[in-house]
Amino acid sequence: MADLVYHITSAEQITRASAMGEYTPSAFASDGFIHCSYSHQIRQVANVRFLGRVDLVLLEIDRARLFCTVLDENLEGGKDLYPHVYGPLPMSAVVRILEFPCSRDGTFELPRGVGV
């Protein structure tokens, strides 16, 4: 089990969350968890779900600092398992907040320092 998981969100949402000390995305109310990825999944998720977005950041999260359940699962029927955080994310669990701009063509590459 990898210790680091990643979440893509807007810089604006993280600015608000940092001031509050906790992050809960708007989809949490309907989904019941925070969608995350392992490093090898980030590009695919970003290019499918966030193509062309210029306002994004990537949260690097230490799952050992979380007090809630984190399950590796795929709720869409695929084989690849994604980490889902079943609770609000304390900002103290966020190791780094990385800028995550898209390229000119709208696609994403891993930020420097994020391993595969």
C-alpha atoms as a PDB file:
ATOM      1  CA  MET A   1       0.000   0.000   0.000  1.00  0.00           C
ATOM      2  CA  ALA A   2       1.457   3.333  -1.040  1.00  0.00           C
ATOM      3  CA  ASP A   3       1.728   5.996   1.648  1.00  0.00           C
ATOM      4  CA  LEU A   4       1.111   8.897  -0.748  1.00  0.00           C
ATOM      5  CA  VAL A   5      -2.100   9.546  -2.629  1.00  0.00           C
ATOM      6  CA  TYR A   6      -3.036  12.529  -4.788  1.00  0.00           C
ATOM      7  CA  HIS A   7      -6.114  14.665  -5.302  1.00  0.00           C
ATOM      8  CA  ILE A   8      -6.763  17.224  -8.054  1.00  0.00           C
ATOM      9  CA  THR A   9      -8.732  20.324  -7.156  1.00  0.00           C
ATOM     10  CA  SER A  10      -8.873  24.041  -7.832  1.00  0.00           C
ATOM     11  CA  ALA A  11      -6.431  26.476  -6.265  1.00  0.00           C
ATOM     12  CA  GLU A  12      -9.414  28.504  -5.022  1.00  0.00           C
ATOM     13  CA  GLN A  13     -10.876  25.561  -3.093  1.00  0.00           C
ATOM     14  CA  ILE A  14      -7.523  24.849  -1.441  1.00  0.00           C
ATOM     15  CA  THR A  15      -7.065  28.482  -0.438  1.00  0.00           C
ATOM     16  CA  ARG A  16     -10.398  28.266   1.411  1.00  0.00           C
ATOM     17  CA  ALA A  17      -9.574  24.839   2.869  1.00  0.00           C
ATOM     18  CA  SER A  18      -6.180  26.022   4.114  1.00  0.00           C
ATOM     19  CA  ALA A  19      -7.851  28.822   6.043  1.00  0.00           C
ATOM     20  CA  MET A  20     -10.314  26.353   7.581  1.00  0.00           C
ATOM     21  CA  GLY A  21      -7.779  23.571   8.185  1.00  0.00           C
ATOM     22  CA  GLU A  22      -9.903  20.988   6.377  1.00  0.00           C
ATOM     23  CA  TYR A  23     -10.880  20.192   2.781  1.00  0.00           C
ATOM     24  CA  THR A  24     -14.165  18.676   1.671  1.00  0.00           C
ATOM     25  CA  PRO A  25     -14.953  18.890  -2.058  1.00  0.00           C
ATOM     26  CA  SER A  26     -18.502  19.694  -3.143  1.00  0.00           C
ATOM     27  CA  ALA A  27     -18.917  16.165  -4.592  1.00  0.00           C
ATOM     28  CA  PHE A  28     -18.347  14.702  -1.118  1.00  0.00           C
ATOM     29  CA  ALA A  29     -22.007  15.237  -0.191  1.00  0.00           C
ATOM     30  CA  SER A  30     -23.192  12.991  -3.039  1.00  0.00           C
ATOM     31  CA  ASP A  31     -20.217  10.596  -3.308  1.00  0.00           C
ATOM     32  CA  GLY A  32     -19.442  10.132   0.376  1.00  0.00           C
ATOM     33  CA  PHE A  33     -15.683  10.146  -0.234  1.00  0.00           C
ATOM     34  CA  ILE A  34     -12.848  12.150  -1.786  1.00  0.00           C
ATOM     35  CA  HIS A  35     -11.588  10.809  -5.113  1.00  0.00           C
ATOM     36  CA  CYS A  36      -7.818  10.285  -5.098  1.00  0.00           C
ATOM     37  CA  SER A  37      -5.188   8.648  -7.301  1.00  0.00           C
ATOM     38  CA  TYR A  38      -1.821   7.014  -7.017  1.00  0.00           C
ATOM     39  CA  SER A  39       1.013   8.759  -8.869  1.00  0.00           C
ATOM     40  CA  HIS A  40       0.765   6.462 -11.904  1.00  0.00           C
ATOM     41  CA  GLN A  41      -2.943   7.349 -12.296  1.00  0.00           C
ATOM     42  CA  ILE A  42      -2.749  11.152 -12.106  1.00  0.00           C
ATOM     43  CA  ARG A  43      -2.199  11.931 -15.796  1.00  0.00           C
ATOM     44  CA  GLN A  44      -5.038   9.728 -16.983  1.00  0.00           C
ATOM     45  CA  VAL A  45      -7.490  11.125 -14.435  1.00  0.00           C
ATOM     46  CA  ALA A  46      -6.483  14.710 -15.207  1.00  0.00           C
ATOM     47  CA  ASN A  47      -6.698  14.246 -18.964  1.00  0.00           C
ATOM     48  CA  VAL A  48     -10.120  12.578 -18.777  1.00  0.00           C
ATOM     49  CA  ARG A  49     -11.778  14.703 -16.096  1.00  0.00           C
ATOM     50  CA  PHE A  50      -9.994  18.079 -16.195  1.00  0.00           C
ATOM     51  CA  LEU A  51      -8.815  18.584 -19.795  1.00  0.00           C
ATOM     52  CA  GLY A  52      -8.025  22.252 -20.408  1.00  0.00           C
ATOM     53  CA  ARG A  53      -8.485  23.459 -16.815  1.00  0.00           C
ATOM     54  CA  VAL A  54      -5.910  26.090 -15.896  1.00  0.00           C
ATOM     55  CA  ASP A  55      -6.823  26.643 -12.246  1.00  0.00           C
ATOM     56  CA  LEU A  56      -5.742  23.322 -10.740  1.00  0.00           C
ATOM     57  CA  VAL A  57      -3.444  22.147  -7.993  1.00  0.00           C
ATOM     58  CA  LEU A  58      -2.372  18.660  -7.025  1.00  0.00           C
ATOM     59  CA  LEU A  59      -2.501  17.670  -3.368  1.00  0.00           C
ATOM     60  CA  GLU A  60       0.070  15.165  -2.194  1.00  0.00           C
ATOM     61  CA  ILE A  61      -1.504  13.431   0.800  1.00  0.00           C
ATOM     62  CA  ASP A  62       0.175  11.222   3.396  1.00  0.00           C
ATOM     63  CA  ARG A  63      -2.471   8.610   4.094  1.00  0.00           C
ATOM     64  CA  ALA A  64      -0.767   7.751   7.417  1.00  0.00           C
ATOM     65  CA  ARG A  65      -1.877  11.199   8.650  1.00  0.00           C
ATOM     66  CA  LEU A  66      -5.553  10.497   7.925  1.00  0.00           C
ATOM     67  CA  PHE A  67      -7.934   9.464  10.685  1.00  0.00           C
ATOM     68  CA  CYS A  68     -10.623   8.144   8.361  1.00  0.00           C
ATOM     69  CA  THR A  69     -10.923   5.052   6.189  1.00  0.00           C
ATOM     70  CA  VAL A  70      -9.101   4.974   2.849  1.00  0.00           C
ATOM     71  CA  LEU A  71     -10.260   2.221   0.509  1.00  0.00           C
ATOM     72  CA  ASP A  72      -8.715   1.138  -2.768  1.00  0.00           C
ATOM     73  CA  GLU A  73     -11.636   0.444  -5.048  1.00  0.00           C
ATOM     74  CA  ASN A  74     -13.101   0.911  -8.494  1.00  0.00           C
ATOM     75  CA  LEU A  75     -16.766   1.806  -8.445  1.00  0.00           C
ATOM     76  CA  GLU A  76     -17.011   2.128 -12.238  1.00  0.00           C
ATOM     77  CA  GLY A  77     -16.241  -1.507 -13.041  1.00  0.00           C
ATOM     78  CA  GLY A  78     -12.626  -1.201 -14.168  1.00  0.00           C
ATOM     79  CA  LYS A  79      -9.630  -3.184 -12.964  1.00  0.00           C
ATOM     80  CA  ASP A  80      -7.534  -0.240 -11.728  1.00  0.00           C
ATOM     81  CA  LEU A  81      -8.120   0.534  -8.043  1.00  0.00           C
ATOM     82  CA  TYR A  82      -8.220   4.141  -6.848  1.00  0.00           C
ATOM     83  CA  PRO A  83      -7.859   5.358  -3.260  1.00  0.00           C
ATOM     84  CA  HIS A  84     -11.030   6.885  -1.855  1.00  0.00           C
ATOM     85  CA  VAL A  85     -10.835   8.932   1.347  1.00  0.00           C
ATOM     86  CA  TYR A  86     -14.004   8.409   3.393  1.00  0.00           C
ATOM     87  CA  GLY A  87     -13.955  11.585   5.423  1.00  0.00           C
ATOM     88  CA  PRO A  88     -12.928  15.234   5.309  1.00  0.00           C
ATOM     89  CA  LEU A  89      -9.255  15.807   4.514  1.00  0.00           C
ATOM     90  CA  PRO A  90      -7.338  17.545   7.295  1.00  0.00           C
ATOM     91  CA  MET A  91      -4.883  19.953   5.692  1.00  0.00           C
ATOM     92  CA  SER A  92      -2.268  18.590   8.115  1.00  0.00           C
ATOM     93  CA  ALA A  93      -2.278  15.395   6.007  1.00  0.00           C
ATOM     94  CA  VAL A  94      -1.321  17.367   2.874  1.00  0.00           C
ATOM     95  CA  VAL A  95       2.428  17.058   2.386  1.00  0.00           C
ATOM     96  CA  ARG A  96       2.642  19.341  -0.655  1.00  0.00           C
ATOM     97  CA  ILE A  97       0.380  21.485  -2.793  1.00  0.00           C
ATOM     98  CA  LEU A  98       1.736  21.459  -6.326  1.00  0.00           C
ATOM     99  CA  GLU A  99       0.762  23.742  -9.179  1.00  0.00           C
ATOM    100  CA  PHE A 100      -0.866  21.608 -11.876  1.00  0.00           C
ATOM    101  CA  PRO A 101      -1.195  23.638 -15.060  1.00  0.00           C
ATOM    102  CA  CYS A 102      -2.211  22.056 -18.343  1.00  0.00           C
ATOM    103  CA  SER A 103      -0.063  22.237 -21.472  1.00  0.00           C
ATOM    104  CA  ARG A 104      -0.976  24.446 -24.432  1.00  0.00           C
ATOM    105  CA  ASP A 105      -3.054  21.612 -25.877  1.00  0.00           C
ATOM    106  CA  GLY A 106      -4.990  21.261 -22.613  1.00  0.00           C
ATOM    107  CA  THR A 107      -3.385  17.993 -21.499  1.00  0.00           C
ATOM    108  CA  PHE A 108      -1.515  17.340 -18.260  1.00  0.00           C
ATOM    109  CA  GLU A 109       1.912  16.001 -17.339  1.00  0.00           C
ATOM    110  CA  LEU A 110       3.089  15.015 -13.875  1.00  0.00           C
ATOM    111  CA  PRO A 111       4.568  17.882 -11.916  1.00  0.00           C
ATOM    112  CA  ARG A 112       8.308  17.678 -11.267  1.00  0.00           C
ATOM    113  CA  GLY A 113       9.066  15.549  -8.238  1.00  0.00           C
ATOM    114  CA  VAL A 114       5.991  13.329  -8.421  1.00  0.00           C
ATOM    115  CA  GLY A 115       7.210   9.774  -8.971  1.00  0.00           C
ATOM    116  CA  VAL A 116       5.664   7.088 -11.080  1.00  0.00           C
END
